[in-house]
Amino acid sequence: MKLAEQDSDGSAQSTADMTAFVQNLLVQMQTRFQTMSENIITKIDEMGARIDELELSINDLKAEMGSDGMTPTKVKDEESKPADSSA
């Protein structure tokens, strides 16, 4: 009778150990996924900020080109054609 009781206690302890191990493993995985998720969101936010800065720089360059009197050649050609035909 004692042998059967020991096996029962042993398997109950083994099941409890396995349950604790699996729960611990799941907590570790959840923590790692949470960390990775936060890192990904941070990187996406940084990329968004860089894209915004790039757009501002492009707009500044466009404005600077316009203020320097440098217009695209297509616009100059269209403006000069009517003047040439009336002359």
PDB file of N, CA and C in Angstrom:
ATOM      1  N   MET A   1       0.819  -1.191   0.000  1.00  0.00           N
ATOM      2  CA  MET A   1       0.000   0.000   0.000  1.00  0.00           C
ATOM      3  C   MET A   1       0.867   1.262   0.000  1.00  0.00           C
ATOM      4  N   LYS A   2       1.940   1.280   0.724  1.00  0.00           N
ATOM      5  CA  LYS A   2       2.801   2.445   0.791  1.00  0.00           C
ATOM      6  C   LYS A   2       3.396   2.770  -0.571  1.00  0.00           C
ATOM      7  N   LEU A   3       3.742   1.776  -1.384  1.00  0.00           N
ATOM      8  CA  LEU A   3       4.331   1.988  -2.690  1.00  0.00           C
ATOM      9  C   LEU A   3       3.347   2.708  -3.607  1.00  0.00           C
ATOM     10  N   ALA A   4       2.102   2.325  -3.556  1.00  0.00           N
ATOM     11  CA  ALA A   4       1.075   2.959  -4.390  1.00  0.00           C
ATOM     12  C   ALA A   4       0.886   4.411  -3.965  1.00  0.00           C
ATOM     13  N   GLU A   5       0.921   4.678  -2.681  1.00  0.00           N
ATOM     14  CA  GLU A   5       0.767   6.053  -2.196  1.00  0.00           C
ATOM     15  C   GLU A   5       1.950   6.915  -2.634  1.00  0.00           C
ATOM     16  N   GLN A   6       3.151   6.361  -2.610  1.00  0.00           N
ATOM     17  CA  GLN A   6       4.327   7.112  -3.025  1.00  0.00           C
ATOM     18  C   GLN A   6       4.266   7.443  -4.518  1.00  0.00           C
ATOM     19  N   ASP A   7       3.815   6.482  -5.333  1.00  0.00           N
ATOM     20  CA  ASP A   7       3.686   6.727  -6.760  1.00  0.00           C
ATOM     21  C   ASP A   7       2.658   7.820  -7.019  1.00  0.00           C
ATOM     22  N   SER A   8       1.571   7.782  -6.276  1.00  0.00           N
ATOM     23  CA  SER A   8       0.521   8.788  -6.435  1.00  0.00           C
ATOM     24  C   SER A   8       1.044  10.162  -6.043  1.00  0.00           C
ATOM     25  N   ASP A   9       1.757  10.237  -4.931  1.00  0.00           N
ATOM     26  CA  ASP A   9       2.334  11.505  -4.492  1.00  0.00           C
ATOM     27  C   ASP A   9       3.396  11.983  -5.478  1.00  0.00           C
ATOM     28  N   GLY A  10       4.193  11.067  -5.978  1.00  0.00           N
ATOM     29  CA  GLY A  10       5.251  11.394  -6.922  1.00  0.00           C
ATOM     30  C   GLY A  10       4.691  11.933  -8.221  1.00  0.00           C
ATOM     31  N   SER A  11       3.640  11.326  -8.727  1.00  0.00           N
ATOM     32  CA  SER A  11       3.066  11.799  -9.984  1.00  0.00           C
ATOM     33  C   SER A  11       2.347  13.128  -9.773  1.00  0.00           C
ATOM     34  N   ALA A  12       1.765  13.322  -8.611  1.00  0.00           N
ATOM     35  CA  ALA A  12       1.117  14.598  -8.318  1.00  0.00           C
ATOM     36  C   ALA A  12       2.174  15.700  -8.243  1.00  0.00           C
ATOM     37  N   GLN A  13       3.298  15.390  -7.604  1.00  0.00           N
ATOM     38  CA  GLN A  13       4.389  16.362  -7.515  1.00  0.00           C
ATOM     39  C   GLN A  13       4.970  16.625  -8.899  1.00  0.00           C
ATOM     40  N   SER A  14       5.102  15.591  -9.705  1.00  0.00           N
ATOM     41  CA  SER A  14       5.633  15.728 -11.058  1.00  0.00           C
ATOM     42  C   SER A  14       4.704  16.600 -11.912  1.00  0.00           C
ATOM     43  N   THR A  15       3.415  16.393 -11.762  1.00  0.00           N
ATOM     44  CA  THR A  15       2.431  17.203 -12.496  1.00  0.00           C
ATOM     45  C   THR A  15       2.495  18.654 -12.044  1.00  0.00           C
ATOM     46  N   ALA A  16       2.621  18.886 -10.755  1.00  0.00           N
ATOM     47  CA  ALA A  16       2.714  20.249 -10.225  1.00  0.00           C
ATOM     48  C   ALA A  16       3.995  20.912 -10.723  1.00  0.00           C
ATOM     49  N   ASP A  17       5.092  20.166 -10.728  1.00  0.00           N
ATOM     50  CA  ASP A  17       6.356  20.713 -11.225  1.00  0.00           C
ATOM     51  C   ASP A  17       6.244  21.081 -12.703  1.00  0.00           C
ATOM     52  N   MET A  18       5.649  20.185 -13.475  1.00  0.00           N
ATOM     53  CA  MET A  18       5.498  20.438 -14.906  1.00  0.00           C
ATOM     54  C   MET A  18       4.600  21.646 -15.143  1.00  0.00           C
ATOM     55  N   THR A  19       3.544  21.763 -14.388  1.00  0.00           N
ATOM     56  CA  THR A  19       2.637  22.910 -14.518  1.00  0.00           C
ATOM     57  C   THR A  19       3.365  24.208 -14.188  1.00  0.00           C
ATOM     58  N   ALA A  20       4.135  24.205 -13.119  1.00  0.00           N
ATOM     59  CA  ALA A  20       4.893  25.397 -12.731  1.00  0.00           C
ATOM     60  C   ALA A  20       5.928  25.737 -13.803  1.00  0.00           C
ATOM     61  N   PHE A  21       6.583  24.726 -14.353  1.00  0.00           N
ATOM     62  CA  PHE A  21       7.576  24.948 -15.393  1.00  0.00           C
ATOM     63  C   PHE A  21       6.938  25.577 -16.633  1.00  0.00           C
ATOM     64  N   VAL A  22       5.806  25.021 -17.059  1.00  0.00           N
ATOM     65  CA  VAL A  22       5.119  25.540 -18.250  1.00  0.00           C
ATOM     66  C   VAL A  22       4.618  26.963 -17.998  1.00  0.00           C
ATOM     67  N   GLN A  23       4.065  27.220 -16.826  1.00  0.00           N
ATOM     68  CA  GLN A  23       3.599  28.571 -16.513  1.00  0.00           C
ATOM     69  C   GLN A  23       4.761  29.564 -16.523  1.00  0.00           C
ATOM     70  N   ASN A  24       5.881  29.179 -15.957  1.00  0.00           N
ATOM     71  CA  ASN A  24       7.064  30.032 -15.942  1.00  0.00           C
ATOM     72  C   ASN A  24       7.553  30.299 -17.366  1.00  0.00           C
ATOM     73  N   LEU A  25       7.563  29.264 -18.188  1.00  0.00           N
ATOM     74  CA  LEU A  25       7.977  29.404 -19.578  1.00  0.00           C
ATOM     75  C   LEU A  25       7.044  30.344 -20.333  1.00  0.00           C
ATOM     76  N   LEU A  26       5.748  30.228 -20.114  1.00  0.00           N
ATOM     77  CA  LEU A  26       4.784  31.117 -20.772  1.00  0.00           C
ATOM     78  C   LEU A  26       4.960  32.569 -20.328  1.00  0.00           C
ATOM     79  N   VAL A  27       5.245  32.778 -19.058  1.00  0.00           N
ATOM     80  CA  VAL A  27       5.485  34.140 -18.567  1.00  0.00           C
ATOM     81  C   VAL A  27       6.736  34.725 -19.225  1.00  0.00           C
ATOM     82  N   GLN A  28       7.793  33.917 -19.322  1.00  0.00           N
ATOM     83  CA  GLN A  28       9.018  34.378 -19.981  1.00  0.00           C
ATOM     84  C   GLN A  28       8.762  34.735 -21.441  1.00  0.00           C
ATOM     85  N   MET A  29       8.009  33.873 -22.130  1.00  0.00           N
ATOM     86  CA  MET A  29       7.694  34.150 -23.538  1.00  0.00           C
ATOM     87  C   MET A  29       6.868  35.422 -23.672  1.00  0.00           C
ATOM     88  N   GLN A  30       5.891  35.595 -22.802  1.00  0.00           N
ATOM     89  CA  GLN A  30       5.050  36.793 -22.848  1.00  0.00           C
ATOM     90  C   GLN A  30       5.901  38.047 -22.620  1.00  0.00           C
ATOM     91  N   THR A  31       6.831  37.979 -21.683  1.00  0.00           N
ATOM     92  CA  THR A  31       7.710  39.115 -21.401  1.00  0.00           C
ATOM     93  C   THR A  31       8.576  39.436 -22.610  1.00  0.00           C
ATOM     94  N   ARG A  32       9.125  38.409 -23.230  1.00  0.00           N
ATOM     95  CA  ARG A  32       9.975  38.626 -24.411  1.00  0.00           C
ATOM     96  C   ARG A  32       9.169  39.216 -25.564  1.00  0.00           C
ATOM     97  N   PHE A  33       7.977  38.689 -25.801  1.00  0.00           N
ATOM     98  CA  PHE A  33       7.140  39.226 -26.877  1.00  0.00           C
ATOM     99  C   PHE A  33       6.741  40.669 -26.593  1.00  0.00           C
ATOM    100  N   GLN A  34       6.454  40.976 -25.339  1.00  0.00           N
ATOM    101  CA  GLN A  34       6.097  42.340 -24.971  1.00  0.00           C
ATOM    102  C   GLN A  34       7.268  43.283 -25.236  1.00  0.00           C
ATOM    103  N   THR A  35       8.468  42.849 -24.865  1.00  0.00           N
ATOM    104  CA  THR A  35       9.663  43.661 -25.095  1.00  0.00           C
ATOM    105  C   THR A  35       9.890  43.874 -26.590  1.00  0.00           C
ATOM    106  N   MET A  36       9.780  42.796 -27.369  1.00  0.00           N
ATOM    107  CA  MET A  36       9.962  42.922 -28.818  1.00  0.00           C
ATOM    108  C   MET A  36       8.910  43.840 -29.422  1.00  0.00           C
ATOM    109  N   SER A  37       7.678  43.718 -28.968  1.00  0.00           N
ATOM    110  CA  SER A  37       6.598  44.558 -29.471  1.00  0.00           C
ATOM    111  C   SER A  37       6.874  46.029 -29.182  1.00  0.00           C
ATOM    112  N   GLU A  38       7.316  46.327 -27.980  1.00  0.00           N
ATOM    113  CA  GLU A  38       7.638  47.707 -27.622  1.00  0.00           C
ATOM    114  C   GLU A  38       8.795  48.239 -28.453  1.00  0.00           C
ATOM    115  N   ASN A  39       9.800  47.393 -28.692  1.00  0.00           N
ATOM    116  CA  ASN A  39      10.931  47.808 -29.522  1.00  0.00           C
ATOM    117  C   ASN A  39      10.492  48.100 -30.952  1.00  0.00           C
ATOM    118  N   ILE A  40       9.628  47.262 -31.484  1.00  0.00           N
ATOM    119  CA  ILE A  40       9.136  47.464 -32.853  1.00  0.00           C
ATOM    120  C   ILE A  40       8.345  48.766 -32.940  1.00  0.00           C
ATOM    121  N   ILE A  41       7.488  49.016 -31.972  1.00  0.00           N
ATOM    122  CA  ILE A  41       6.686  50.246 -31.972  1.00  0.00           C
ATOM    123  C   ILE A  41       7.602  51.464 -31.870  1.00  0.00           C
ATOM    124  N   THR A  42       8.633  51.376 -31.045  1.00  0.00           N
ATOM    125  CA  THR A  42       9.595  52.477 -30.917  1.00  0.00           C
ATOM    126  C   THR A  42      10.287  52.741 -32.244  1.00  0.00           C
ATOM    127  N   LYS A  43      10.724  51.680 -32.924  1.00  0.00           N
ATOM    128  CA  LYS A  43      11.399  51.835 -34.215  1.00  0.00           C
ATOM    129  C   LYS A  43      10.457  52.430 -35.256  1.00  0.00           C
ATOM    130  N   ILE A  44       9.206  52.017 -35.261  1.00  0.00           N
ATOM    131  CA  ILE A  44       8.230  52.568 -36.207  1.00  0.00           C
ATOM    132  C   ILE A  44       8.012  54.055 -35.933  1.00  0.00           C
ATOM    133  N   ASP A  45       7.916  54.417 -34.664  1.00  0.00           N
ATOM    134  CA  ASP A  45       7.769  55.837 -34.310  1.00  0.00           C
ATOM    135  C   ASP A  45       8.981  56.646 -34.760  1.00  0.00           C
ATOM    136  N   GLU A  46      10.187  56.084 -34.573  1.00  0.00           N
ATOM    137  CA  GLU A  46      11.403  56.768 -35.010  1.00  0.00           C
ATOM    138  C   GLU A  46      11.411  56.937 -36.526  1.00  0.00           C
ATOM    139  N   MET A  47      10.995  55.899 -37.244  1.00  0.00           N
ATOM    140  CA  MET A  47      10.946  55.996 -38.706  1.00  0.00           C
ATOM    141  C   MET A  47       9.942  57.053 -39.138  1.00  0.00           C
ATOM    142  N   GLY A  48       8.811  57.118 -38.468  1.00  0.00           N
ATOM    143  CA  GLY A  48       7.812  58.140 -38.786  1.00  0.00           C
ATOM    144  C   GLY A  48       8.364  59.538 -38.576  1.00  0.00           C
ATOM    145  N   ALA A  49       9.099  59.730 -37.494  1.00  0.00           N
ATOM    146  CA  ALA A  49       9.697  61.041 -37.227  1.00  0.00           C
ATOM    147  C   ALA A  49      10.732  61.389 -38.293  1.00  0.00           C
ATOM    148  N   ARG A  50      11.520  60.405 -38.709  1.00  0.00           N
ATOM    149  CA  ARG A  50      12.517  60.649 -39.761  1.00  0.00           C
ATOM    150  C   ARG A  50      11.841  60.999 -41.087  1.00  0.00           C
ATOM    151  N   ILE A  51      10.754  60.316 -41.388  1.00  0.00           N
ATOM    152  CA  ILE A  51      10.019  60.614 -42.625  1.00  0.00           C
ATOM    153  C   ILE A  51       9.455  62.026 -42.575  1.00  0.00           C
ATOM    154  N   ASP A  52       8.931  62.418 -41.421  1.00  0.00           N
ATOM    155  CA  ASP A  52       8.420  63.788 -41.265  1.00  0.00           C
ATOM    156  C   ASP A  52       9.535  64.810 -41.480  1.00  0.00           C
ATOM    157  N   GLU A  53      10.713  64.542 -40.912  1.00  0.00           N
ATOM    158  CA  GLU A  53      11.851  65.444 -41.092  1.00  0.00           C
ATOM    159  C   GLU A  53      12.263  65.511 -42.560  1.00  0.00           C
ATOM    160  N   LEU A  54      12.249  64.375 -43.228  1.00  0.00           N
ATOM    161  CA  LEU A  54      12.605  64.334 -44.643  1.00  0.00           C
ATOM    162  C   LEU A  54      11.610  65.137 -45.473  1.00  0.00           C
ATOM    163  N   GLU A  55      10.333  65.006 -45.178  1.00  0.00           N
ATOM    164  CA  GLU A  55       9.315  65.785 -45.891  1.00  0.00           C
ATOM    165  C   GLU A  55       9.523  67.277 -45.686  1.00  0.00           C
ATOM    166  N   LEU A  56       9.834  67.674 -44.456  1.00  0.00           N
ATOM    167  CA  LEU A  56      10.105  69.084 -44.190  1.00  0.00           C
ATOM    168  C   LEU A  56      11.319  69.572 -44.959  1.00  0.00           C
ATOM    169  N   SER A  57      12.362  68.758 -45.000  1.00  0.00           N
ATOM    170  CA  SER A  57      13.559  69.142 -45.743  1.00  0.00           C
ATOM    171  C   SER A  57      13.260  69.286 -47.227  1.00  0.00           C
ATOM    172  N   ILE A  58      12.492  68.372 -47.772  1.00  0.00           N
ATOM    173  CA  ILE A  58      12.125  68.439 -49.186  1.00  0.00           C
ATOM    174  C   ILE A  58      11.306  69.697 -49.460  1.00  0.00           C
ATOM    175  N   ASN A  59      10.352  69.972 -48.597  1.00  0.00           N
ATOM    176  CA  ASN A  59       9.533  71.181 -48.772  1.00  0.00           C
ATOM    177  C   ASN A  59      10.381  72.443 -48.651  1.00  0.00           C
ATOM    178  N   ASP A  60      11.342  72.444 -47.720  1.00  0.00           N
ATOM    179  CA  ASP A  60      12.252  73.589 -47.596  1.00  0.00           C
ATOM    180  C   ASP A  60      13.072  73.778 -48.865  1.00  0.00           C
ATOM    181  N   LEU A  61      13.570  72.667 -49.416  1.00  0.00           N
ATOM    182  CA  LEU A  61      14.350  72.749 -50.651  1.00  0.00           C
ATOM    183  C   LEU A  61      13.492  73.254 -51.810  1.00  0.00           C
ATOM    184  N   LYS A  62      12.254  72.787 -51.879  1.00  0.00           N
ATOM    185  CA  LYS A  62      11.347  73.261 -52.932  1.00  0.00           C
ATOM    186  C   LYS A  62      11.111  74.761 -52.799  1.00  0.00           C
ATOM    187  N   ALA A  63      10.864  75.205 -51.580  1.00  0.00           N
ATOM    188  CA  ALA A  63      10.624  76.626 -51.343  1.00  0.00           C
ATOM    189  C   ALA A  63      11.870  77.437 -51.664  1.00  0.00           C
ATOM    190  N   GLU A  64      13.025  76.909 -51.294  1.00  0.00           N
ATOM    191  CA  GLU A  64      14.281  77.599 -51.561  1.00  0.00           C
ATOM    192  C   GLU A  64      14.522  77.716 -53.064  1.00  0.00           C
ATOM    193  N   MET A  65      14.225  76.670 -53.803  1.00  0.00           N
ATOM    194  CA  MET A  65      14.402  76.705 -55.252  1.00  0.00           C
ATOM    195  C   MET A  65      13.450  77.717 -55.881  1.00  0.00           C
ATOM    196  N   GLY A  66      12.246  77.793 -55.364  1.00  0.00           N
ATOM    197  CA  GLY A  66      11.266  78.740 -55.881  1.00  0.00           C
ATOM    198  C   GLY A  66      11.649  80.169 -55.574  1.00  0.00           C
ATOM    199  N   SER A  67      12.226  80.421 -54.429  1.00  0.00           N
ATOM    200  CA  SER A  67      12.585  81.789 -54.052  1.00  0.00           C
ATOM    201  C   SER A  67      13.848  82.259 -54.759  1.00  0.00           C
ATOM    202  N   ASP A  68      14.660  81.340 -55.258  1.00  0.00           N
ATOM    203  CA  ASP A  68      15.865  81.708 -55.985  1.00  0.00           C
ATOM    204  C   ASP A  68      15.560  82.088 -57.434  1.00  0.00           C
ATOM    205  N   GLY A  69      14.312  82.033 -57.824  1.00  0.00           N
ATOM    206  CA  GLY A  69      13.939  82.363 -59.189  1.00  0.00           C
ATOM    207  C   GLY A  69      14.189  81.219 -60.150  1.00  0.00           C
ATOM    208  N   MET A  70      14.518  80.074 -59.592  1.00  0.00           N
ATOM    209  CA  MET A  70      14.745  78.909 -60.452  1.00  0.00           C
ATOM    210  C   MET A  70      13.438  78.162 -60.591  1.00  0.00           C
ATOM    211  N   THR A  71      12.805  78.312 -61.720  1.00  0.00           N
ATOM    212  CA  THR A  71      11.567  77.593 -61.976  1.00  0.00           C
ATOM    213  C   THR A  71      11.876  76.463 -62.944  1.00  0.00           C
ATOM    214  N   PRO A  72      11.095  75.434 -62.940  1.00  0.00           N
ATOM    215  CA  PRO A  72      11.341  74.338 -63.873  1.00  0.00           C
ATOM    216  C   PRO A  72      11.304  74.832 -65.313  1.00  0.00           C
ATOM    217  N   THR A  73      12.082  74.247 -66.201  1.00  0.00           N
ATOM    218  CA  THR A  73      12.194  74.702 -67.589  1.00  0.00           C
ATOM    219  C   THR A  73      10.871  74.579 -68.329  1.00  0.00           C
ATOM    220  N   LYS A  74      10.059  73.642 -67.955  1.00  0.00           N
ATOM    221  CA  LYS A  74       8.764  73.478 -68.620  1.00  0.00           C
ATOM    222  C   LYS A  74       7.917  74.730 -68.454  1.00  0.00           C
ATOM    223  N   VAL A  75       7.920  75.299 -67.271  1.00  0.00           N
ATOM    224  CA  VAL A  75       7.142  76.510 -67.017  1.00  0.00           C
ATOM    225  C   VAL A  75       7.727  77.677 -67.823  1.00  0.00           C
ATOM    226  N   LYS A  76       9.039  77.788 -67.882  1.00  0.00           N
ATOM    227  CA  LYS A  76       9.669  78.871 -68.648  1.00  0.00           C
ATOM    228  C   LYS A  76       9.333  78.763 -70.131  1.00  0.00           C
ATOM    229  N   ASP A  77       9.349  77.565 -70.668  1.00  0.00           N
ATOM    230  CA  ASP A  77       9.034  77.369 -72.079  1.00  0.00           C
ATOM    231  C   ASP A  77       7.605  77.799 -72.388  1.00  0.00           C
ATOM    232  N   GLU A  78       6.678  77.441 -71.503  1.00  0.00           N
ATOM    233  CA  GLU A  78       5.278  77.802 -71.730  1.00  0.00           C
ATOM    234  C   GLU A  78       5.086  79.313 -71.654  1.00  0.00           C
ATOM    235  N   GLU A  79       5.817  79.969 -70.750  1.00  0.00           N
ATOM    236  CA  GLU A  79       5.689  81.419 -70.620  1.00  0.00           C
ATOM    237  C   GLU A  79       6.292  82.131 -71.826  1.00  0.00           C
ATOM    238  N   SER A  80       7.352  81.582 -72.395  1.00  0.00           N
ATOM    239  CA  SER A  80       8.033  82.265 -73.496  1.00  0.00           C
ATOM    240  C   SER A  80       7.334  82.030 -74.841  1.00  0.00           C
ATOM    241  N   LYS A  81       6.585  80.963 -74.985  1.00  0.00           N
ATOM    242  CA  LYS A  81       5.919  80.687 -76.262  1.00  0.00           C
ATOM    243  C   LYS A  81       4.913  81.775 -76.645  1.00  0.00           C
ATOM    244  N   PRO A  82       3.997  82.178 -75.765  1.00  0.00           N
ATOM    245  CA  PRO A  82       3.051  83.226 -76.166  1.00  0.00           C
ATOM    246  C   PRO A  82       3.764  84.526 -76.493  1.00  0.00           C
ATOM    247  N   ALA A  83       4.829  84.856 -75.801  1.00  0.00           N
ATOM    248  CA  ALA A  83       5.558  86.084 -76.069  1.00  0.00           C
ATOM    249  C   ALA A  83       6.214  86.004 -77.445  1.00  0.00           C
ATOM    250  N   ASP A  84       6.732  84.843 -77.819  1.00  0.00           N
ATOM    251  CA  ASP A  84       7.380  84.676 -79.111  1.00  0.00           C
ATOM    252  C   ASP A  84       6.366  84.767 -80.261  1.00  0.00           C
ATOM    253  N   SER A  85       5.185  84.196 -80.063  1.00  0.00           N
ATOM    254  CA  SER A  85       4.207  84.173 -81.148  1.00  0.00           C
ATOM    255  C   SER A  85       3.595  85.555 -81.369  1.00  0.00           C
ATOM    256  N   SER A  86       3.507  86.390 -80.345  1.00  0.00           N
ATOM    257  CA  SER A  86       2.924  87.712 -80.513  1.00  0.00           C
ATOM    258  C   SER A  86       3.928  88.694 -81.101  1.00  0.00           C
ATOM    259  N   ALA A  87       5.183  88.395 -81.013  1.00  0.00           N
ATOM    260  CA  ALA A  87       6.215  89.310 -81.506  1.00  0.00           C
ATOM    261  C   ALA A  87       6.411  89.208 -82.944  1.00  0.00           C
TER     262      ALA A  87
END
